[in-house]
C-alpha atoms as a PDB file:
ATOM      1  CA  MET A   1      65.349 202.162 -20.258  1.00  0.00           C
ATOM      2  CA  PRO A   2      67.979 202.361 -17.486  1.00  0.00           C
ATOM      3  CA  ALA A   3      67.752 206.143 -17.314  1.00  0.00           C
ATOM      4  CA  THR A   4      64.320 206.013 -15.698  1.00  0.00           C
ATOM      5  CA  ARG A   5      64.709 203.197 -13.155  1.00  0.00           C
ATOM      6  CA  LYS A   6      65.378 205.528 -10.226  1.00  0.00           C
ATOM      7  CA  ILE A   7      62.127 207.447 -10.684  1.00  0.00           C
ATOM      8  CA  THR A   8      59.817 206.634  -7.780  1.00  0.00           C
ATOM      9  CA  SER A   9      56.057 206.545  -8.221  1.00  0.00           C
ATOM     10  CA  THR A  10      54.036 209.244  -6.473  1.00  0.00           C
ATOM     11  CA  LYS A  11      50.631 207.713  -7.148  1.00  0.00           C
ATOM     12  CA  ALA A  12      50.118 206.513  -3.595  1.00  0.00           C
ATOM     13  CA  ASN A  13      50.171 209.876  -1.830  1.00  0.00           C
ATOM     14  CA  GLY A  14      49.571 212.290  -4.692  1.00  0.00           C
ATOM     15  CA  LYS A  15      52.753 214.191  -3.881  1.00  0.00           C
ATOM     16  CA  VAL A  16      55.966 214.607  -5.782  1.00  0.00           C
ATOM     17  CA  SER A  17      59.440 215.321  -4.479  1.00  0.00           C
ATOM     18  CA  GLN A  18      62.044 217.545  -6.046  1.00  0.00           C
ATOM     19  CA  ALA A  19      64.284 214.499  -6.295  1.00  0.00           C
ATOM     20  CA  GLU A  20      61.744 212.754  -8.520  1.00  0.00           C
ATOM     21  CA  VAL A  21      61.508 215.754 -10.816  1.00  0.00           C
ATOM     22  CA  GLN A  22      65.298 216.023 -11.009  1.00  0.00           C
ATOM     23  CA  SER A  23      65.507 212.302 -11.780  1.00  0.00           C
ATOM     24  CA  VAL A  24      63.247 212.730 -14.806  1.00  0.00           C
ATOM     25  CA  LEU A  25      65.166 215.804 -15.956  1.00  0.00           C
ATOM     26  CA  ALA A  26      68.440 213.939 -15.630  1.00  0.00           C
ATOM     27  CA  ALA A  27      67.074 211.027 -17.659  1.00  0.00           C
ATOM     28  CA  LEU A  28      65.926 213.397 -20.402  1.00  0.00           C
ATOM     29  CA  LYS A  29      69.211 215.287 -20.404  1.00  0.00           C
ATOM     30  CA  ARG A  30      71.126 212.050 -20.947  1.00  0.00           C
ATOM     31  CA  LEU A  31      68.956 211.288 -23.955  1.00  0.00           C
ATOM     32  CA  GLY A  32      69.487 214.712 -25.510  1.00  0.00           C
ATOM     33  CA  SER A  33      72.030 215.822 -28.068  1.00  0.00           C
ATOM     34  CA  ALA A  34      73.317 219.207 -29.136  1.00  0.00           C
ATOM     35  CA  ARG A  35      72.906 218.218 -32.774  1.00  0.00           C
ATOM     36  CA  PHE A  36      69.226 217.411 -32.460  1.00  0.00           C
ATOM     37  CA  ARG A  37      68.645 220.496 -30.301  1.00  0.00           C
ATOM     38  CA  GLU A  38      69.969 222.554 -33.209  1.00  0.00           C
ATOM     39  CA  GLU A  39      67.822 220.627 -35.692  1.00  0.00           C
ATOM     40  CA  MET A  40      64.738 221.313 -33.616  1.00  0.00           C
ATOM     41  CA  SER A  41      64.818 224.934 -34.718  1.00  0.00           C
ATOM     42  CA  THR A  42      66.582 224.773 -38.068  1.00  0.00           C
ATOM     43  CA  ARG A  43      64.817 221.700 -39.461  1.00  0.00           C
ATOM     44  CA  TYR A  44      61.556 221.406 -37.559  1.00  0.00           C
ATOM     45  CA  GLY A  45      60.773 224.978 -36.545  1.00  0.00           C
ATOM     46  CA  ILE A  46      60.582 224.143 -32.833  1.00  0.00           C
ATOM     47  CA  VAL A  47      61.890 227.261 -31.141  1.00  0.00           C
ATOM     48  CA  THR A  48      62.101 227.178 -27.346  1.00  0.00           C
ATOM     49  CA  LYS A  49      64.435 228.577 -24.710  1.00  0.00           C
ATOM     50  CA  ASP A  50      64.993 225.442 -22.622  1.00  0.00           C
ATOM     51  CA  ALA A  51      65.507 222.107 -24.378  1.00  0.00           C
ATOM     52  CA  TYR A  52      67.893 219.160 -24.242  1.00  0.00           C
ATOM     53  CA  GLY A  53      67.345 217.980 -27.800  1.00  0.00           C
ATOM     54  CA  VAL A  54      65.497 214.698 -27.189  1.00  0.00           C
ATOM     55  CA  ARG A  55      63.620 212.917 -29.953  1.00  0.00           C
ATOM     56  CA  MET A  56      59.905 212.303 -29.511  1.00  0.00           C
ATOM     57  CA  ARG A  57      60.246 208.524 -29.470  1.00  0.00           C
ATOM     58  CA  ASP A  58      62.653 208.763 -26.538  1.00  0.00           C
ATOM     59  CA  MET A  59      60.414 211.142 -24.608  1.00  0.00           C
ATOM     60  CA  GLN A  60      57.564 208.683 -25.101  1.00  0.00           C
ATOM     61  CA  LYS A  61      59.694 205.867 -23.678  1.00  0.00           C
ATOM     62  CA  VAL A  62      60.416 207.928 -20.564  1.00  0.00           C
ATOM     63  CA  ALA A  63      56.714 208.704 -20.185  1.00  0.00           C
ATOM     64  CA  LYS A  64      55.751 205.055 -20.599  1.00  0.00           C
ATOM     65  CA  LYS A  65      58.079 204.077 -17.761  1.00  0.00           C
ATOM     66  CA  LEU A  66      56.490 206.687 -15.515  1.00  0.00           C
ATOM     67  CA  GLY A  67      52.853 205.863 -16.251  1.00  0.00           C
ATOM     68  CA  ARG A  68      49.983 208.193 -15.386  1.00  0.00           C
ATOM     69  CA  ASN A  69      51.022 210.493 -12.571  1.00  0.00           C
ATOM     70  CA  HIS A  70      49.214 213.822 -12.407  1.00  0.00           C
ATOM     71  CA  ALA A  71      51.230 215.324  -9.562  1.00  0.00           C
ATOM     72  CA  LEU A  72      54.458 214.574 -11.388  1.00  0.00           C
ATOM     73  CA  ALA A  73      53.043 216.024 -14.604  1.00  0.00           C
ATOM     74  CA  LEU A  74      52.269 219.313 -12.873  1.00  0.00           C
ATOM     75  CA  ALA A  75      55.756 219.489 -11.403  1.00  0.00           C
ATOM     76  CA  LEU A  76      57.416 218.639 -14.726  1.00  0.00           C
ATOM     77  CA  TRP A  77      55.403 221.329 -16.485  1.00  0.00           C
ATOM     78  CA  ASP A  78      56.521 223.936 -13.989  1.00  0.00           C
ATOM     79  CA  THR A  79      60.185 223.296 -14.841  1.00  0.00           C
ATOM     80  CA  GLY A  80      59.685 225.131 -18.141  1.00  0.00           C
ATOM     81  CA  ASN A  81      61.790 222.543 -19.967  1.00  0.00           C
ATOM     82  CA  TYR A  82      60.449 221.494 -23.381  1.00  0.00           C
ATOM     83  CA  GLU A  83      61.079 217.778 -22.943  1.00  0.00           C
ATOM     84  CA  ALA A  84      59.737 217.748 -19.387  1.00  0.00           C
ATOM     85  CA  ARG A  85      56.568 219.456 -20.580  1.00  0.00           C
ATOM     86  CA  THR A  86      56.201 216.953 -23.403  1.00  0.00           C
ATOM     87  CA  VAL A  87      56.479 214.076 -20.922  1.00  0.00           C
ATOM     88  CA  ALA A  88      53.929 215.870 -18.727  1.00  0.00           C
ATOM     89  CA  ALA A  89      51.418 215.682 -21.595  1.00  0.00           C
ATOM     90  CA  PHE A  90      51.749 211.883 -21.618  1.00  0.00           C
ATOM     91  CA  VAL A  91      51.616 211.284 -17.866  1.00  0.00           C
ATOM     92  CA  ALA A  92      48.946 213.802 -16.782  1.00  0.00           C
ATOM     93  CA  GLU A  93      45.486 212.424 -16.035  1.00  0.00           C
ATOM     94  CA  PRO A  94      42.804 213.769 -18.422  1.00  0.00           C
ATOM     95  CA  LYS A  95      40.020 213.398 -15.840  1.00  0.00           C
ATOM     96  CA  ARG A  96      41.866 215.753 -13.479  1.00  0.00           C
ATOM     97  CA  LEU A  97      42.162 218.562 -15.993  1.00  0.00           C
ATOM     98  CA  THR A  98      40.268 221.733 -15.156  1.00  0.00           C
ATOM     99  CA  PRO A  99      39.563 224.674 -17.472  1.00  0.00           C
ATOM    100  CA  ALA A 100      41.861 226.809 -15.312  1.00  0.00           C
ATOM    101  CA  LEU A 101      44.740 224.330 -15.632  1.00  0.00           C
ATOM    102  CA  MET A 102      44.220 224.008 -19.379  1.00  0.00           C
ATOM    103  CA  ASP A 103      44.248 227.801 -19.693  1.00  0.00           C
ATOM    104  CA  ARG A 104      47.451 228.051 -17.659  1.00  0.00           C
ATOM    105  CA  TRP A 105      49.280 225.474 -19.755  1.00  0.00           C
ATOM    106  CA  CYS A 106      47.982 227.062 -22.951  1.00  0.00           C
ATOM    107  CA  ARG A 107      49.472 230.400 -21.913  1.00  0.00           C
ATOM    108  CA  ASP A 108      52.855 228.659 -21.640  1.00  0.00           C
ATOM    109  CA  PHE A 109      52.846 227.309 -25.213  1.00  0.00           C
ATOM    110  CA  ASP A 110      55.881 228.765 -26.996  1.00  0.00           C
ATOM    111  CA  ASN A 111      56.159 226.524 -30.055  1.00  0.00           C
ATOM    112  CA  TRP A 112      53.938 224.428 -32.296  1.00  0.00           C
ATOM    113  CA  ALA A 113      55.293 221.081 -31.065  1.00  0.00           C
ATOM    114  CA  ILE A 114      54.364 221.438 -27.409  1.00  0.00           C
ATOM    115  CA  CYS A 115      51.037 222.993 -28.417  1.00  0.00           C
ATOM    116  CA  ASP A 116      50.112 220.102 -30.690  1.00  0.00           C
ATOM    117  CA  THR A 117      51.382 217.360 -28.399  1.00  0.00           C
ATOM    118  CA  VAL A 118      49.421 218.600 -25.406  1.00  0.00           C
ATOM    119  CA  CYS A 119      46.261 219.071 -27.476  1.00  0.00           C
ATOM    120  CA  PHE A 120      46.572 215.763 -29.352  1.00  0.00           C
ATOM    121  CA  LYS A 121      47.661 213.554 -26.448  1.00  0.00           C
ATOM    122  CA  LEU A 122      45.900 215.115 -23.454  1.00  0.00           C
ATOM    123  CA  PHE A 123      43.529 218.052 -23.817  1.00  0.00           C
ATOM    124  CA  ASP A 124      41.309 216.381 -26.415  1.00  0.00           C
ATOM    125  CA  GLN A 125      40.415 213.723 -23.808  1.00  0.00           C
ATOM    126  CA  SER A 126      38.914 216.356 -21.516  1.00  0.00           C
ATOM    127  CA  PRO A 127      35.181 217.165 -21.458  1.00  0.00           C
ATOM    128  CA  HIS A 128      36.284 220.814 -21.370  1.00  0.00           C
ATOM    129  CA  ALA A 129      37.944 220.587 -24.788  1.00  0.00           C
ATOM    130  CA  LEU A 130      35.374 222.334 -26.967  1.00  0.00           C
ATOM    131  CA  GLY A 131      34.880 225.020 -24.356  1.00  0.00           C
ATOM    132  CA  ARG A 132      38.594 225.775 -24.538  1.00  0.00           C
ATOM    133  CA  VAL A 133      38.407 225.886 -28.341  1.00  0.00           C
ATOM    134  CA  LYS A 134      35.860 228.677 -28.192  1.00  0.00           C
ATOM    135  CA  SER A 135      37.855 230.577 -25.591  1.00  0.00           C
ATOM    136  CA  TRP A 136      41.293 230.257 -27.174  1.00  0.00           C
ATOM    137  CA  ALA A 137      40.100 231.059 -30.702  1.00  0.00           C
ATOM    138  CA  GLU A 138      39.934 234.696 -29.623  1.00  0.00           C
ATOM    139  CA  ARG A 139      43.456 234.782 -28.137  1.00  0.00           C
ATOM    140  CA  ARG A 140      46.065 237.081 -29.687  1.00  0.00           C
ATOM    141  CA  ASP A 141      49.187 235.015 -29.020  1.00  0.00           C
ATOM    142  CA  GLU A 142      50.123 232.865 -32.020  1.00  0.00           C
ATOM    143  CA  PHE A 143      50.474 229.565 -30.203  1.00  0.00           C
ATOM    144  CA  GLN A 144      47.535 230.086 -27.870  1.00  0.00           C
ATOM    145  CA  LYS A 145      45.351 230.754 -30.898  1.00  0.00           C
ATOM    146  CA  ARG A 146      46.826 227.774 -32.724  1.00  0.00           C
ATOM    147  CA  ALA A 147      45.922 225.666 -29.693  1.00  0.00           C
ATOM    148  CA  ALA A 148      42.231 226.359 -30.293  1.00  0.00           C
ATOM    149  CA  PHE A 149      42.396 224.852 -33.749  1.00  0.00           C
ATOM    150  CA  ALA A 150      44.848 222.081 -32.939  1.00  0.00           C
ATOM    151  CA  LEU A 151      42.368 221.016 -30.275  1.00  0.00           C
ATOM    152  CA  LEU A 152      39.436 221.353 -32.660  1.00  0.00           C
ATOM    153  CA  ALA A 153      41.355 219.179 -35.116  1.00  0.00           C
ATOM    154  CA  CYS A 154      41.826 216.476 -32.479  1.00  0.00           C
ATOM    155  CA  VAL A 155      38.321 216.273 -31.023  1.00  0.00           C
ATOM    156  CA  PRO A 156      36.536 214.921 -34.144  1.00  0.00           C
ATOM    157  CA  LEU A 157      39.251 212.295 -34.535  1.00  0.00           C
ATOM    158  CA  HIS A 158      39.304 211.046 -30.934  1.00  0.00           C
ATOM    159  CA  ASP A 159      35.902 211.767 -29.407  1.00  0.00           C
ATOM    160  CA  ASP A 160      32.541 210.476 -30.656  1.00  0.00           C
ATOM    161  CA  ASN A 161      30.534 212.336 -28.020  1.00  0.00           C
ATOM    162  CA  PRO A 162      30.207 215.894 -29.385  1.00  0.00           C
ATOM    163  CA  SER A 163      27.204 216.147 -31.677  1.00  0.00           C
ATOM    164  CA  ASP A 164      27.484 217.240 -35.285  1.00  0.00           C
ATOM    165  CA  GLU A 165      25.758 220.464 -34.315  1.00  0.00           C
ATOM    166  CA  THR A 166      28.299 221.167 -31.587  1.00  0.00           C
ATOM    167  CA  ILE A 167      31.191 220.713 -33.979  1.00  0.00           C
ATOM    168  CA  ALA A 168      29.444 222.665 -36.738  1.00  0.00           C
ATOM    169  CA  ASP A 169      29.063 225.550 -34.294  1.00  0.00           C
ATOM    170  CA  CYS A 170      32.849 225.884 -34.437  1.00  0.00           C
ATOM    171  CA  LEU A 171      32.917 226.551 -38.194  1.00  0.00           C
ATOM    172  CA  PRO A 172      32.420 230.320 -37.733  1.00  0.00           C
ATOM    173  CA  LEU A 173      35.510 230.303 -35.507  1.00  0.00           C
ATOM    174  CA  ILE A 174      37.448 228.716 -38.355  1.00  0.00           C
ATOM    175  CA  GLN A 175      36.100 231.252 -40.826  1.00  0.00           C
ATOM    176  CA  ARG A 176      37.169 234.210 -38.679  1.00  0.00           C
ATOM    177  CA  ALA A 177      40.586 232.787 -37.814  1.00  0.00           C
ATOM    178  CA  ALA A 178      41.339 231.992 -41.451  1.00  0.00           C
ATOM    179  CA  ALA A 179      42.097 235.699 -41.899  1.00  0.00           C
ATOM    180  CA  ASP A 180      45.086 235.394 -39.539  1.00  0.00           C
ATOM    181  CA  GLU A 181      48.207 235.474 -41.699  1.00  0.00           C
ATOM    182  CA  ARG A 182      50.551 233.983 -39.098  1.00  0.00           C
ATOM    183  CA  ASN A 183      51.992 230.693 -40.294  1.00  0.00           C
ATOM    184  CA  PHE A 184      51.203 228.480 -37.320  1.00  0.00           C
ATOM    185  CA  VAL A 185      47.696 229.871 -36.929  1.00  0.00           C
ATOM    186  CA  LYS A 186      46.615 229.418 -40.527  1.00  0.00           C
ATOM    187  CA  LYS A 187      48.105 225.907 -40.617  1.00  0.00           C
ATOM    188  CA  GLY A 188      46.174 225.068 -37.453  1.00  0.00           C
ATOM    189  CA  VAL A 189      42.983 226.453 -38.982  1.00  0.00           C
ATOM    190  CA  SER A 190      43.474 224.327 -42.090  1.00  0.00           C
ATOM    191  CA  TRP A 191      44.103 221.251 -39.958  1.00  0.00           C
ATOM    192  CA  ALA A 192      40.919 221.861 -37.980  1.00  0.00           C
ATOM    193  CA  LEU A 193      38.743 222.249 -41.075  1.00  0.00           C
ATOM    194  CA  ARG A 194      40.201 219.119 -42.675  1.00  0.00           C
ATOM    195  CA  SER A 195      39.571 217.189 -39.463  1.00  0.00           C
ATOM    196  CA  VAL A 196      35.950 218.333 -39.250  1.00  0.00           C
ATOM    197  CA  ALA A 197      35.485 217.018 -42.787  1.00  0.00           C
ATOM    198  CA  THR A 198      36.523 213.513 -41.723  1.00  0.00           C
ATOM    199  CA  ARG A 199      33.708 213.200 -39.160  1.00  0.00           C
ATOM    200  CA  ASN A 200      30.905 212.232 -41.549  1.00  0.00           C
ATOM    201  CA  ALA A 201      29.356 213.156 -44.888  1.00  0.00           C
ATOM    202  CA  LYS A 202      27.254 215.979 -43.436  1.00  0.00           C
ATOM    203  CA  LEU A 203      30.183 217.750 -41.811  1.00  0.00           C
ATOM    204  CA  LYS A 204      32.366 217.063 -44.838  1.00  0.00           C
ATOM    205  CA  ALA A 205      29.882 218.901 -47.015  1.00  0.00           C
ATOM    206  CA  ALA A 206      29.821 221.830 -44.595  1.00  0.00           C
ATOM    207  CA  ALA A 207      33.636 221.892 -44.432  1.00  0.00           C
ATOM    208  CA  ILE A 208      33.980 221.804 -48.221  1.00  0.00           C
ATOM    209  CA  GLY A 209      31.440 224.592 -48.554  1.00  0.00           C
ATOM    210  CA  LEU A 210      33.427 226.769 -46.163  1.00  0.00           C
ATOM    211  CA  ALA A 211      36.722 225.851 -47.828  1.00  0.00           C
ATOM    212  CA  ARG A 212      35.353 226.914 -51.218  1.00  0.00           C
ATOM    213  CA  ARG A 213      34.241 230.262 -49.833  1.00  0.00           C
ATOM    214  CA  LEU A 214      37.647 230.793 -48.267  1.00  0.00           C
ATOM    215  CA  ALA A 215      39.433 229.775 -51.473  1.00  0.00           C
ATOM    216  CA  ALA A 216      37.497 232.445 -53.352  1.00  0.00           C
ATOM    217  CA  SER A 217      38.536 235.188 -50.930  1.00  0.00           C
ATOM    218  CA  PRO A 218      40.516 238.157 -52.298  1.00  0.00           C
ATOM    219  CA  GLU A 219      42.646 238.038 -49.117  1.00  0.00           C
ATOM    220  CA  PRO A 220      45.747 235.799 -49.179  1.00  0.00           C
ATOM    221  CA  ALA A 221      45.402 234.082 -45.774  1.00  0.00           C
ATOM    222  CA  PRO A 222      41.834 232.743 -46.103  1.00  0.00           C
ATOM    223  CA  ARG A 223      42.482 231.918 -49.748  1.00  0.00           C
ATOM    224  CA  TRP A 224      45.504 229.833 -48.722  1.00  0.00           C
ATOM    225  CA  VAL A 225      43.471 227.994 -46.051  1.00  0.00           C
ATOM    226  CA  GLY A 226      40.626 227.240 -48.454  1.00  0.00           C
ATOM    227  CA  LYS A 227      42.897 225.929 -51.186  1.00  0.00           C
ATOM    228  CA  ASP A 228      44.955 223.895 -48.739  1.00  0.00           C
ATOM    229  CA  VAL A 229      41.827 222.191 -47.388  1.00  0.00           C
ATOM    230  CA  LEU A 230      40.337 221.515 -50.824  1.00  0.00           C
ATOM    231  CA  ARG A 231      43.619 220.079 -52.056  1.00  0.00           C
ATOM    232  CA  ALA A 232      43.821 217.764 -49.059  1.00  0.00           C
ATOM    233  CA  LEU A 233      40.225 216.582 -49.338  1.00  0.00           C
ATOM    234  CA  LYS A 234      40.644 215.599 -52.971  1.00  0.00           C
END
């Protein structure tokens, strides 16, 4: 892609210049459109203050040209731009993530798309992932709380290391959060429970058992989660 040819690698010295950051922003801006920026909110429910309106496939192409570059990822994140932060999720180095950095980025989540992309493409590769699930599940902010369950949904799919017991220990978090009526939280909770069920027969049985209890709840939010999970697992 010609738009990214001027971006210079910072891998050698671990530093990033403002010119490099501006080069990436300029490349993303050229790929954006006012029409898609409008569709982001009206069609896809992606509401954010700073966006160019770039499609995911084009952001991925920019990220592929850049390669892994943690210093650049940090600088792109700090711009506050939606597309720059999405690219940051693809170019950051999972092994260099710390709980403090993950917490800081989580606090910046302002829509479901950046939350899910970061969790699905980056955070789930960190050994700190399940620890962040347990911490964020108690957050009040809608997208920070969603992040806990988006991350829990990703770990069973992408990581064979956590034991069944470790993942099962997260089921009470799902049960408590299922009472949250906010749209993006309850959808994240449903996603997490469905993902746990795909791990193996033992966890599927545990997930179905919880889903049935939730589906029988007199409260609308947990009932919706339970029915949504049972419908999906059929």
